[in-house]
Amino acid sequence: MSLDDLAALRENLQEQRLFRQEQLQQIEAVPLTGDPAEQRAAALSEVRAKLTASARMVLHDVEAALRRMAEGGYGVCHLCRGPIDRDRLTVVPQARYCARCQQVRESRQ
């Protein structure tokens, strides 16, 4: 992978990190309404919790990818230790597994 490829991927990851940080701030800044319809309030609370969990998970993955990049381990599959294809990293820059190992992991779940 070229230095230009890594620089573009790093920029993408940094943009994703900023987006997720802002998303979490916005979710946490919206107060739950005192709507008398308890079902609606409960549903809103559940959606908010799921959005928050998802944003935190992606933010964690992005930050882990940036650490791997800084430490020189970026683009290496965590399972087979082979290289992760550049096209895969372009689509999912925080990928921890090559396409083959990801497919195996998903088939086991």
PDB file of N, CA and C in Angstrom:
ATOM      1  N   MET A   1       0.846  -1.168   0.000  1.00  0.00           N
ATOM      2  CA  MET A   1       0.000   0.000   0.000  1.00  0.00           C
ATOM      3  C   MET A   1       0.895   1.236   0.000  1.00  0.00           C
ATOM      4  N   SER A   2       0.564   2.164  -0.847  1.00  0.00           N
ATOM      5  CA  SER A   2       1.413   3.352  -0.982  1.00  0.00           C
ATOM      6  C   SER A   2       1.172   4.331   0.168  1.00  0.00           C
ATOM      7  N   LEU A   3       2.105   5.256   0.310  1.00  0.00           N
ATOM      8  CA  LEU A   3       1.959   6.296   1.336  1.00  0.00           C
ATOM      9  C   LEU A   3       0.731   7.159   1.064  1.00  0.00           C
ATOM     10  N   ASP A   4       0.458   7.405  -0.228  1.00  0.00           N
ATOM     11  CA  ASP A   4      -0.733   8.186  -0.579  1.00  0.00           C
ATOM     12  C   ASP A   4      -2.009   7.454  -0.180  1.00  0.00           C
ATOM     13  N   ASP A   5      -2.022   6.125  -0.389  1.00  0.00           N
ATOM     14  CA  ASP A   5      -3.185   5.330   0.023  1.00  0.00           C
ATOM     15  C   ASP A   5      -3.382   5.431   1.532  1.00  0.00           C
ATOM     16  N   LEU A   6      -2.303   5.272   2.269  1.00  0.00           N
ATOM     17  CA  LEU A   6      -2.393   5.359   3.731  1.00  0.00           C
ATOM     18  C   LEU A   6      -2.850   6.735   4.184  1.00  0.00           C
ATOM     19  N   ALA A   7      -2.352   7.769   3.542  1.00  0.00           N
ATOM     20  CA  ALA A   7      -2.747   9.128   3.912  1.00  0.00           C
ATOM     21  C   ALA A   7      -4.240   9.338   3.658  1.00  0.00           C
ATOM     22  N   ALA A   8      -4.745   8.839   2.532  1.00  0.00           N
ATOM     23  CA  ALA A   8      -6.167   8.977   2.225  1.00  0.00           C
ATOM     24  C   ALA A   8      -7.017   8.189   3.215  1.00  0.00           C
ATOM     25  N   LEU A   9      -6.575   6.991   3.549  1.00  0.00           N
ATOM     26  CA  LEU A   9      -7.309   6.183   4.520  1.00  0.00           C
ATOM     27  C   LEU A   9      -7.281   6.815   5.904  1.00  0.00           C
ATOM     28  N   ARG A  10      -6.139   7.373   6.299  1.00  0.00           N
ATOM     29  CA  ARG A  10      -6.028   8.054   7.593  1.00  0.00           C
ATOM     30  C   ARG A  10      -6.999   9.242   7.639  1.00  0.00           C
ATOM     31  N   GLU A  11      -7.052  10.000   6.561  1.00  0.00           N
ATOM     32  CA  GLU A  11      -7.960  11.148   6.510  1.00  0.00           C
ATOM     33  C   GLU A  11      -9.414  10.679   6.631  1.00  0.00           C
ATOM     34  N   ASN A  12      -9.754   9.594   5.941  1.00  0.00           N
ATOM     35  CA  ASN A  12     -11.104   9.043   6.021  1.00  0.00           C
ATOM     36  C   ASN A  12     -11.427   8.631   7.457  1.00  0.00           C
ATOM     37  N   LEU A  13     -10.495   7.944   8.101  1.00  0.00           N
ATOM     38  CA  LEU A  13     -10.707   7.516   9.489  1.00  0.00           C
ATOM     39  C   LEU A  13     -10.861   8.712  10.426  1.00  0.00           C
ATOM     40  N   GLN A  14     -10.068   9.732  10.220  1.00  0.00           N
ATOM     41  CA  GLN A  14     -10.160  10.920  11.074  1.00  0.00           C
ATOM     42  C   GLN A  14     -11.505  11.626  10.881  1.00  0.00           C
ATOM     43  N   GLU A  15     -11.991  11.658   9.635  1.00  0.00           N
ATOM     44  CA  GLU A  15     -13.301  12.250   9.369  1.00  0.00           C
ATOM     45  C   GLU A  15     -14.404  11.423  10.033  1.00  0.00           C
ATOM     46  N   GLN A  16     -14.282  10.095   9.963  1.00  0.00           N
ATOM     47  CA  GLN A  16     -15.262   9.232  10.616  1.00  0.00           C
ATOM     48  C   GLN A  16     -15.246   9.433  12.134  1.00  0.00           C
ATOM     49  N   ARG A  17     -14.040   9.562  12.696  1.00  0.00           N
ATOM     50  CA  ARG A  17     -13.929   9.783  14.137  1.00  0.00           C
ATOM     51  C   ARG A  17     -14.633  11.074  14.527  1.00  0.00           C
ATOM     52  N   LEU A  18     -14.374  12.150  13.799  1.00  0.00           N
ATOM     53  CA  LEU A  18     -15.002  13.433  14.086  1.00  0.00           C
ATOM     54  C   LEU A  18     -16.521  13.333  13.959  1.00  0.00           C
ATOM     55  N   PHE A  19     -16.997  12.672  12.899  1.00  0.00           N
ATOM     56  CA  PHE A  19     -18.434  12.506  12.704  1.00  0.00           C
ATOM     57  C   PHE A  19     -19.063  11.766  13.881  1.00  0.00           C
ATOM     58  N   ARG A  20     -18.456  10.663  14.316  1.00  0.00           N
ATOM     59  CA  ARG A  20     -19.020   9.868  15.414  1.00  0.00           C
ATOM     60  C   ARG A  20     -18.968  10.636  16.727  1.00  0.00           C
ATOM     61  N   GLN A  21     -17.912  11.404  16.960  1.00  0.00           N
ATOM     62  CA  GLN A  21     -17.833  12.210  18.178  1.00  0.00           C
ATOM     63  C   GLN A  21     -18.952  13.257  18.186  1.00  0.00           C
ATOM     64  N   GLU A  22     -19.157  13.905  17.038  1.00  0.00           N
ATOM     65  CA  GLU A  22     -20.229  14.899  16.942  1.00  0.00           C
ATOM     66  C   GLU A  22     -21.600  14.242  17.079  1.00  0.00           C
ATOM     67  N   GLN A  23     -21.746  13.060  16.477  1.00  0.00           N
ATOM     68  CA  GLN A  23     -23.008  12.338  16.576  1.00  0.00           C
ATOM     69  C   GLN A  23     -23.320  12.018  18.039  1.00  0.00           C
ATOM     70  N   LEU A  24     -22.346  11.547  18.776  1.00  0.00           N
ATOM     71  CA  LEU A  24     -22.565  11.234  20.190  1.00  0.00           C
ATOM     72  C   LEU A  24     -22.929  12.488  20.979  1.00  0.00           C
ATOM     73  N   GLN A  25     -22.274  13.597  20.692  1.00  0.00           N
ATOM     74  CA  GLN A  25     -22.597  14.842  21.395  1.00  0.00           C
ATOM     75  C   GLN A  25     -24.036  15.269  21.105  1.00  0.00           C
ATOM     76  N   GLN A  26     -24.459  15.126  19.849  1.00  0.00           N
ATOM     77  CA  GLN A  26     -25.818  15.517  19.485  1.00  0.00           C
ATOM     78  C   GLN A  26     -26.862  14.609  20.136  1.00  0.00           C
ATOM     79  N   ILE A  27     -26.583  13.309  20.148  1.00  0.00           N
ATOM     80  CA  ILE A  27     -27.530  12.369  20.763  1.00  0.00           C
ATOM     81  C   ILE A  27     -27.670  12.667  22.244  1.00  0.00           C
ATOM     82  N   GLU A  28     -26.551  12.910  22.905  1.00  0.00           N
ATOM     83  CA  GLU A  28     -26.580  13.150  24.338  1.00  0.00           C
ATOM     84  C   GLU A  28     -27.150  14.518  24.685  1.00  0.00           C
ATOM     85  N   ALA A  29     -27.121  15.459  23.734  1.00  0.00           N
ATOM     86  CA  ALA A  29     -27.612  16.810  23.996  1.00  0.00           C
ATOM     87  C   ALA A  29     -29.130  16.910  23.872  1.00  0.00           C
ATOM     88  N   VAL A  30     -29.758  15.962  23.181  1.00  0.00           N
ATOM     89  CA  VAL A  30     -31.204  16.010  22.991  1.00  0.00           C
ATOM     90  C   VAL A  30     -31.877  15.432  24.232  1.00  0.00           C
ATOM     91  N   PRO A  31     -32.602  16.269  24.944  1.00  0.00           N
ATOM     92  CA  PRO A  31     -33.268  15.748  26.148  1.00  0.00           C
ATOM     93  C   PRO A  31     -34.449  14.864  25.767  1.00  0.00           C
ATOM     94  N   LEU A  32     -34.688  13.850  26.574  1.00  0.00           N
ATOM     95  CA  LEU A  32     -35.885  13.046  26.372  1.00  0.00           C
ATOM     96  C   LEU A  32     -37.077  13.888  26.765  1.00  0.00           C
ATOM     97  N   THR A  33     -38.093  13.855  25.941  1.00  0.00           N
ATOM     98  CA  THR A  33     -39.265  14.678  26.216  1.00  0.00           C
ATOM     99  C   THR A  33     -40.082  14.085  27.343  1.00  0.00           C
ATOM    100  N   GLY A  34     -40.841  14.924  27.990  1.00  0.00           N
ATOM    101  CA  GLY A  34     -41.743  14.476  29.039  1.00  0.00           C
ATOM    102  C   GLY A  34     -43.096  14.085  28.461  1.00  0.00           C
ATOM    103  N   ASP A  35     -43.081  13.511  27.276  1.00  0.00           N
ATOM    104  CA  ASP A  35     -44.297  13.105  26.582  1.00  0.00           C
ATOM    105  C   ASP A  35     -45.112  12.159  27.460  1.00  0.00           C
ATOM    106  N   PRO A  36     -46.405  12.447  27.635  1.00  0.00           N
ATOM    107  CA  PRO A  36     -47.226  11.593  28.488  1.00  0.00           C
ATOM    108  C   PRO A  36     -47.415  10.181  27.941  1.00  0.00           C
ATOM    109  N   ALA A  37     -47.236   9.988  26.671  1.00  0.00           N
ATOM    110  CA  ALA A  37     -47.380   8.643  26.102  1.00  0.00           C
ATOM    111  C   ALA A  37     -46.127   7.850  26.442  1.00  0.00           C
ATOM    112  N   GLU A  38     -46.206   7.018  27.468  1.00  0.00           N
ATOM    113  CA  GLU A  38     -45.035   6.290  27.963  1.00  0.00           C
ATOM    114  C   GLU A  38     -44.422   5.385  26.904  1.00  0.00           C
ATOM    115  N   GLN A  39     -45.230   4.789  26.055  1.00  0.00           N
ATOM    116  CA  GLN A  39     -44.692   3.909  25.017  1.00  0.00           C
ATOM    117  C   GLN A  39     -43.806   4.693  24.066  1.00  0.00           C
ATOM    118  N   ARG A  40     -44.227   5.884  23.694  1.00  0.00           N
ATOM    119  CA  ARG A  40     -43.429   6.706  22.787  1.00  0.00           C
ATOM    120  C   ARG A  40     -42.115   7.114  23.440  1.00  0.00           C
ATOM    121  N   ALA A  41     -42.176   7.498  24.694  1.00  0.00           N
ATOM    122  CA  ALA A  41     -40.967   7.882  25.421  1.00  0.00           C
ATOM    123  C   ALA A  41     -40.027   6.692  25.556  1.00  0.00           C
ATOM    124  N   ALA A  42     -40.586   5.522  25.826  1.00  0.00           N
ATOM    125  CA  ALA A  42     -39.758   4.318  25.957  1.00  0.00           C
ATOM    126  C   ALA A  42     -39.119   3.961  24.623  1.00  0.00           C
ATOM    127  N   ALA A  43     -39.882   4.086  23.544  1.00  0.00           N
ATOM    128  CA  ALA A  43     -39.343   3.780  22.215  1.00  0.00           C
ATOM    129  C   ALA A  43     -38.236   4.769  21.862  1.00  0.00           C
ATOM    130  N   LEU A  44     -38.457   6.039  22.146  1.00  0.00           N
ATOM    131  CA  LEU A  44     -37.446   7.059  21.872  1.00  0.00           C
ATOM    132  C   LEU A  44     -36.179   6.781  22.665  1.00  0.00           C
ATOM    133  N   SER A  45     -36.351   6.394  23.901  1.00  0.00           N
ATOM    134  CA  SER A  45     -35.207   6.083  24.756  1.00  0.00           C
ATOM    135  C   SER A  45     -34.437   4.883  24.211  1.00  0.00           C
ATOM    136  N   GLU A  46     -35.153   3.869  23.734  1.00  0.00           N
ATOM    137  CA  GLU A  46     -34.508   2.677  23.187  1.00  0.00           C
ATOM    138  C   GLU A  46     -33.736   3.001  21.911  1.00  0.00           C
ATOM    139  N   VAL A  47     -34.338   3.792  21.027  1.00  0.00           N
ATOM    140  CA  VAL A  47     -33.666   4.189  19.792  1.00  0.00           C
ATOM    141  C   VAL A  47     -32.415   4.991  20.116  1.00  0.00           C
ATOM    142  N   ARG A  48     -32.544   5.896  21.041  1.00  0.00           N
ATOM    143  CA  ARG A  48     -31.406   6.724  21.455  1.00  0.00           C
ATOM    144  C   ARG A  48     -30.266   5.863  22.008  1.00  0.00           C
ATOM    145  N   ALA A  49     -30.608   4.879  22.822  1.00  0.00           N
ATOM    146  CA  ALA A  49     -29.594   3.990  23.398  1.00  0.00           C
ATOM    147  C   ALA A  49     -28.903   3.180  22.308  1.00  0.00           C
ATOM    148  N   LYS A  50     -29.666   2.692  21.339  1.00  0.00           N
ATOM    149  CA  LYS A  50     -29.076   1.905  20.253  1.00  0.00           C
ATOM    150  C   LYS A  50     -28.186   2.766  19.361  1.00  0.00           C
ATOM    151  N   LEU A  51     -28.618   3.987  19.054  1.00  0.00           N
ATOM    152  CA  LEU A  51     -27.786   4.902  18.264  1.00  0.00           C
ATOM    153  C   LEU A  51     -26.487   5.222  18.993  1.00  0.00           C
ATOM    154  N   THR A  52     -26.584   5.461  20.272  1.00  0.00           N
ATOM    155  CA  THR A  52     -25.401   5.770  21.076  1.00  0.00           C
ATOM    156  C   THR A  52     -24.438   4.589  21.093  1.00  0.00           C
ATOM    157  N   ALA A  53     -24.953   3.393  21.309  1.00  0.00           N
ATOM    158  CA  ALA A  53     -24.102   2.205  21.343  1.00  0.00           C
ATOM    159  C   ALA A  53     -23.421   1.978  20.000  1.00  0.00           C
ATOM    160  N   SER A  54     -24.174   2.153  18.928  1.00  0.00           N
ATOM    161  CA  SER A  54     -23.613   1.959  17.588  1.00  0.00           C
ATOM    162  C   SER A  54     -22.524   2.993  17.294  1.00  0.00           C
ATOM    163  N   ALA A  55     -22.795   4.244  17.611  1.00  0.00           N
ATOM    164  CA  ALA A  55     -21.807   5.294  17.370  1.00  0.00           C
ATOM    165  C   ALA A  55     -20.546   5.059  18.189  1.00  0.00           C
ATOM    166  N   ARG A  56     -20.706   4.632  19.432  1.00  0.00           N
ATOM    167  CA  ARG A  56     -19.532   4.350  20.281  1.00  0.00           C
ATOM    168  C   ARG A  56     -18.719   3.178  19.731  1.00  0.00           C
ATOM    169  N   MET A  57     -19.406   2.149  19.244  1.00  0.00           N
ATOM    170  CA  MET A  57     -18.718   0.989  18.703  1.00  0.00           C
ATOM    171  C   MET A  57     -17.905   1.369  17.454  1.00  0.00           C
ATOM    172  N   VAL A  58     -18.516   2.132  16.554  1.00  0.00           N
ATOM    173  CA  VAL A  58     -17.801   2.549  15.348  1.00  0.00           C
ATOM    174  C   VAL A  58     -16.651   3.468  15.718  1.00  0.00           C
ATOM    175  N   LEU A  59     -16.877   4.392  16.639  1.00  0.00           N
ATOM    176  CA  LEU A  59     -15.805   5.286  17.085  1.00  0.00           C
ATOM    177  C   LEU A  59     -14.642   4.477  17.658  1.00  0.00           C
ATOM    178  N   HIS A  60     -14.937   3.472  18.453  1.00  0.00           N
ATOM    179  CA  HIS A  60     -13.893   2.607  19.014  1.00  0.00           C
ATOM    180  C   HIS A  60     -13.112   1.914  17.895  1.00  0.00           C
ATOM    181  N   ASP A  61     -13.817   1.378  16.898  1.00  0.00           N
ATOM    182  CA  ASP A  61     -13.159   0.707  15.776  1.00  0.00           C
ATOM    183  C   ASP A  61     -12.280   1.664  14.976  1.00  0.00           C
ATOM    184  N   VAL A  62     -12.763   2.873  14.763  1.00  0.00           N
ATOM    185  CA  VAL A  62     -11.997   3.882  14.015  1.00  0.00           C
ATOM    186  C   VAL A  62     -10.739   4.261  14.790  1.00  0.00           C
ATOM    187  N   GLU A  63     -10.886   4.501  16.092  1.00  0.00           N
ATOM    188  CA  GLU A  63      -9.718   4.861  16.896  1.00  0.00           C
ATOM    189  C   GLU A  63      -8.708   3.717  16.955  1.00  0.00           C
ATOM    190  N   ALA A  64      -9.194   2.480  17.000  1.00  0.00           N
ATOM    191  CA  ALA A  64      -8.293   1.320  16.994  1.00  0.00           C
ATOM    192  C   ALA A  64      -7.536   1.252  15.665  1.00  0.00           C
ATOM    193  N   ALA A  65      -8.213   1.543  14.566  1.00  0.00           N
ATOM    194  CA  ALA A  65      -7.552   1.540  13.258  1.00  0.00           C
ATOM    195  C   ALA A  65      -6.483   2.629  13.189  1.00  0.00           C
ATOM    196  N   LEU A  66      -6.774   3.792  13.729  1.00  0.00           N
ATOM    197  CA  LEU A  66      -5.778   4.871  13.749  1.00  0.00           C
ATOM    198  C   LEU A  66      -4.569   4.478  14.607  1.00  0.00           C
ATOM    199  N   ARG A  67      -4.800   3.778  15.713  1.00  0.00           N
ATOM    200  CA  ARG A  67      -3.680   3.294  16.534  1.00  0.00           C
ATOM    201  C   ARG A  67      -2.845   2.274  15.759  1.00  0.00           C
ATOM    202  N   ARG A  68      -3.525   1.340  15.072  1.00  0.00           N
ATOM    203  CA  ARG A  68      -2.787   0.356  14.267  1.00  0.00           C
ATOM    204  C   ARG A  68      -1.960   1.052  13.203  1.00  0.00           C
ATOM    205  N   MET A  69      -2.511   2.101  12.625  1.00  0.00           N
ATOM    206  CA  MET A  69      -1.802   2.860  11.603  1.00  0.00           C
ATOM    207  C   MET A  69      -0.550   3.505  12.208  1.00  0.00           C
ATOM    208  N   ALA A  70      -0.694   4.084  13.386  1.00  0.00           N
ATOM    209  CA  ALA A  70       0.434   4.746  14.047  1.00  0.00           C
ATOM    210  C   ALA A  70       1.505   3.745  14.476  1.00  0.00           C
ATOM    211  N   GLU A  71       1.077   2.530  14.802  1.00  0.00           N
ATOM    212  CA  GLU A  71       2.007   1.503  15.282  1.00  0.00           C
ATOM    213  C   GLU A  71       2.561   0.616  14.163  1.00  0.00           C
ATOM    214  N   GLY A  72       2.077   0.825  12.948  1.00  0.00           N
ATOM    215  CA  GLY A  72       2.585   0.051  11.817  1.00  0.00           C
ATOM    216  C   GLY A  72       1.885  -1.267  11.565  1.00  0.00           C
ATOM    217  N   GLY A  73       0.770  -1.534  12.246  1.00  0.00           N
ATOM    218  CA  GLY A  73       0.059  -2.794  12.048  1.00  0.00           C
ATOM    219  C   GLY A  73      -1.208  -2.668  11.231  1.00  0.00           C
ATOM    220  N   TYR A  74      -1.401  -1.515  10.630  1.00  0.00           N
ATOM    221  CA  TYR A  74      -2.626  -1.280   9.859  1.00  0.00           C
ATOM    222  C   TYR A  74      -2.603  -2.082   8.563  1.00  0.00           C
ATOM    223  N   GLY A  75      -3.753  -2.641   8.207  1.00  0.00           N
ATOM    224  CA  GLY A  75      -3.864  -3.375   6.951  1.00  0.00           C
ATOM    225  C   GLY A  75      -3.456  -4.831   7.051  1.00  0.00           C
ATOM    226  N   VAL A  76      -3.253  -5.320   8.287  1.00  0.00           N
ATOM    227  CA  VAL A  76      -2.884  -6.713   8.517  1.00  0.00           C
ATOM    228  C   VAL A  76      -4.058  -7.394   9.217  1.00  0.00           C
ATOM    229  N   CYS A  77      -4.509  -8.516   8.682  1.00  0.00           N
ATOM    230  CA  CYS A  77      -5.637  -9.255   9.239  1.00  0.00           C
ATOM    231  C   CYS A  77      -5.301  -9.774  10.635  1.00  0.00           C
ATOM    232  N   HIS A  78      -6.223  -9.611  11.562  1.00  0.00           N
ATOM    233  CA  HIS A  78      -6.021 -10.066  12.943  1.00  0.00           C
ATOM    234  C   HIS A  78      -6.044 -11.580  13.075  1.00  0.00           C
ATOM    235  N   LEU A  79      -6.627 -12.284  12.096  1.00  0.00           N
ATOM    236  CA  LEU A  79      -6.690 -13.733  12.188  1.00  0.00           C
ATOM    237  C   LEU A  79      -5.560 -14.422  11.430  1.00  0.00           C
ATOM    238  N   CYS A  80      -5.507 -14.194  10.119  1.00  0.00           N
ATOM    239  CA  CYS A  80      -4.529 -14.935   9.302  1.00  0.00           C
ATOM    240  C   CYS A  80      -3.191 -14.210   9.166  1.00  0.00           C
ATOM    241  N   ARG A  81      -3.140 -12.961   9.613  1.00  0.00           N
ATOM    242  CA  ARG A  81      -1.944 -12.116   9.539  1.00  0.00           C
ATOM    243  C   ARG A  81      -1.535 -11.767   8.107  1.00  0.00           C
ATOM    244  N   GLY A  82      -2.422 -12.042   7.160  1.00  0.00           N
ATOM    245  CA  GLY A  82      -2.175 -11.645   5.774  1.00  0.00           C
ATOM    246  C   GLY A  82      -2.604 -10.205   5.565  1.00  0.00           C
ATOM    247  N   PRO A  83      -2.260  -9.642   4.415  1.00  0.00           N
ATOM    248  CA  PRO A  83      -2.659  -8.260   4.147  1.00  0.00           C
ATOM    249  C   PRO A  83      -4.159  -8.149   3.869  1.00  0.00           C
ATOM    250  N   ILE A  84      -4.737  -7.052   4.304  1.00  0.00           N
ATOM    251  CA  ILE A  84      -6.131  -6.739   3.980  1.00  0.00           C
ATOM    252  C   ILE A  84      -6.103  -5.972   2.665  1.00  0.00           C
ATOM    253  N   ASP A  85      -6.904  -6.406   1.724  1.00  0.00           N
ATOM    254  CA  ASP A  85      -6.937  -5.816   0.387  1.00  0.00           C
ATOM    255  C   ASP A  85      -7.221  -4.311   0.447  1.00  0.00           C
ATOM    256  N   ARG A  86      -6.520  -3.571  -0.365  1.00  0.00           N
ATOM    257  CA  ARG A  86      -6.663  -2.116  -0.416  1.00  0.00           C
ATOM    258  C   ARG A  86      -8.105  -1.703  -0.715  1.00  0.00           C
ATOM    259  N   ASP A  87      -8.778  -2.427  -1.622  1.00  0.00           N
ATOM    260  CA  ASP A  87     -10.170  -2.098  -1.949  1.00  0.00           C
ATOM    261  C   ASP A  87     -11.079  -2.263  -0.729  1.00  0.00           C
ATOM    262  N   ARG A  88     -10.825  -3.290   0.057  1.00  0.00           N
ATOM    263  CA  ARG A  88     -11.615  -3.492   1.274  1.00  0.00           C
ATOM    264  C   ARG A  88     -11.383  -2.349   2.254  1.00  0.00           C
ATOM    265  N   LEU A  89     -10.140  -1.943   2.412  1.00  0.00           N
ATOM    266  CA  LEU A  89      -9.839  -0.839   3.324  1.00  0.00           C
ATOM    267  C   LEU A  89     -10.416   0.479   2.826  1.00  0.00           C
ATOM    268  N   THR A  90     -10.533   0.625   1.537  1.00  0.00           N
ATOM    269  CA  THR A  90     -11.141   1.840   0.991  1.00  0.00           C
ATOM    270  C   THR A  90     -12.617   1.912   1.377  1.00  0.00           C
ATOM    271  N   VAL A  91     -13.289   0.761   1.362  1.00  0.00           N
ATOM    272  CA  VAL A  91     -14.704   0.710   1.713  1.00  0.00           C
ATOM    273  C   VAL A  91     -14.908   0.704   3.227  1.00  0.00           C
ATOM    274  N   VAL A  92     -14.092  -0.074   3.928  1.00  0.00           N
ATOM    275  CA  VAL A  92     -14.183  -0.203   5.393  1.00  0.00           C
ATOM    276  C   VAL A  92     -12.791   0.055   5.966  1.00  0.00           C
ATOM    277  N   PRO A  93     -12.404   1.320   6.104  1.00  0.00           N
ATOM    278  CA  PRO A  93     -11.033   1.619   6.528  1.00  0.00           C
ATOM    279  C   PRO A  93     -10.679   1.125   7.920  1.00  0.00           C
ATOM    280  N   GLN A  94     -11.666   0.838   8.750  1.00  0.00           N
ATOM    281  CA  GLN A  94     -11.375   0.335  10.084  1.00  0.00           C
ATOM    282  C   GLN A  94     -11.380  -1.190  10.143  1.00  0.00           C
ATOM    283  N   ALA A  95     -11.404  -1.852   8.989  1.00  0.00           N
ATOM    284  CA  ALA A  95     -11.467  -3.315   8.941  1.00  0.00           C
ATOM    285  C   ALA A  95     -10.303  -3.949   9.700  1.00  0.00           C
ATOM    286  N   ARG A  96     -10.626  -4.971  10.481  1.00  0.00           N
ATOM    287  CA  ARG A  96      -9.610  -5.713  11.237  1.00  0.00           C
ATOM    288  C   ARG A  96      -9.261  -7.030  10.558  1.00  0.00           C
ATOM    289  N   TYR A  97     -10.136  -7.470   9.647  1.00  0.00           N
ATOM    290  CA  TYR A  97      -9.968  -8.782   9.028  1.00  0.00           C
ATOM    291  C   TYR A  97     -10.014  -8.664   7.510  1.00  0.00           C
ATOM    292  N   CYS A  98      -9.284  -9.541   6.850  1.00  0.00           N
ATOM    293  CA  CYS A  98      -9.373  -9.622   5.396  1.00  0.00           C
ATOM    294  C   CYS A  98     -10.769 -10.142   5.050  1.00  0.00           C
ATOM    295  N   ALA A  99     -11.165 -10.031   3.797  1.00  0.00           N
ATOM    296  CA  ALA A  99     -12.514 -10.420   3.391  1.00  0.00           C
ATOM    297  C   ALA A  99     -12.791 -11.892   3.697  1.00  0.00           C
ATOM    298  N   ARG A 100     -11.823 -12.753   3.456  1.00  0.00           N
ATOM    299  CA  ARG A 100     -12.011 -14.190   3.688  1.00  0.00           C
ATOM    300  C   ARG A 100     -12.247 -14.472   5.173  1.00  0.00           C
ATOM    301  N   CYS A 101     -11.405 -13.920   6.027  1.00  0.00           N
ATOM    302  CA  CYS A 101     -11.553 -14.160   7.469  1.00  0.00           C
ATOM    303  C   CYS A 101     -12.835 -13.517   8.004  1.00  0.00           C
ATOM    304  N   GLN A 102     -13.220 -12.371   7.482  1.00  0.00           N
ATOM    305  CA  GLN A 102     -14.470 -11.733   7.898  1.00  0.00           C
ATOM    306  C   GLN A 102     -15.652 -12.624   7.538  1.00  0.00           C
ATOM    307  N   GLN A 103     -15.606 -13.202   6.356  1.00  0.00           N
ATOM    308  CA  GLN A 103     -16.678 -14.091   5.919  1.00  0.00           C
ATOM    309  C   GLN A 103     -16.761 -15.322   6.839  1.00  0.00           C
ATOM    310  N   VAL A 104     -15.622 -15.869   7.198  1.00  0.00           N
ATOM    311  CA  VAL A 104     -15.597 -17.020   8.119  1.00  0.00           C
ATOM    312  C   VAL A 104     -16.179 -16.634   9.464  1.00  0.00           C
ATOM    313  N   ARG A 105     -15.791 -15.482   9.979  1.00  0.00           N
ATOM    314  CA  ARG A 105     -16.316 -15.019  11.278  1.00  0.00           C
ATOM    315  C   ARG A 105     -17.832 -14.859  11.220  1.00  0.00           C
ATOM    316  N   GLU A 106     -18.332 -14.256  10.150  1.00  0.00           N
ATOM    317  CA  GLU A 106     -19.771 -14.025  10.034  1.00  0.00           C
ATOM    318  C   GLU A 106     -20.542 -15.334   9.881  1.00  0.00           C
ATOM    319  N   SER A 107     -19.958 -16.307   9.215  1.00  0.00           N
ATOM    320  CA  SER A 107     -20.651 -17.586   9.027  1.00  0.00           C
ATOM    321  C   SER A 107     -20.755 -18.357  10.337  1.00  0.00           C
ATOM    322  N   ARG A 108     -19.885 -18.092  11.291  1.00  0.00           N
ATOM    323  CA  ARG A 108     -19.906 -18.768  12.593  1.00  0.00           C
ATOM    324  C   ARG A 108     -20.924 -18.141  13.547  1.00  0.00           C
ATOM    325  N   GLN A 109     -21.373 -16.950  13.235  1.00  0.00           N
ATOM    326  CA  GLN A 109     -22.289 -16.246  14.149  1.00  0.00           C
ATOM    327  C   GLN A 109     -23.704 -16.582  13.886  1.00  0.00           C
TER     328      GLN A 109
END
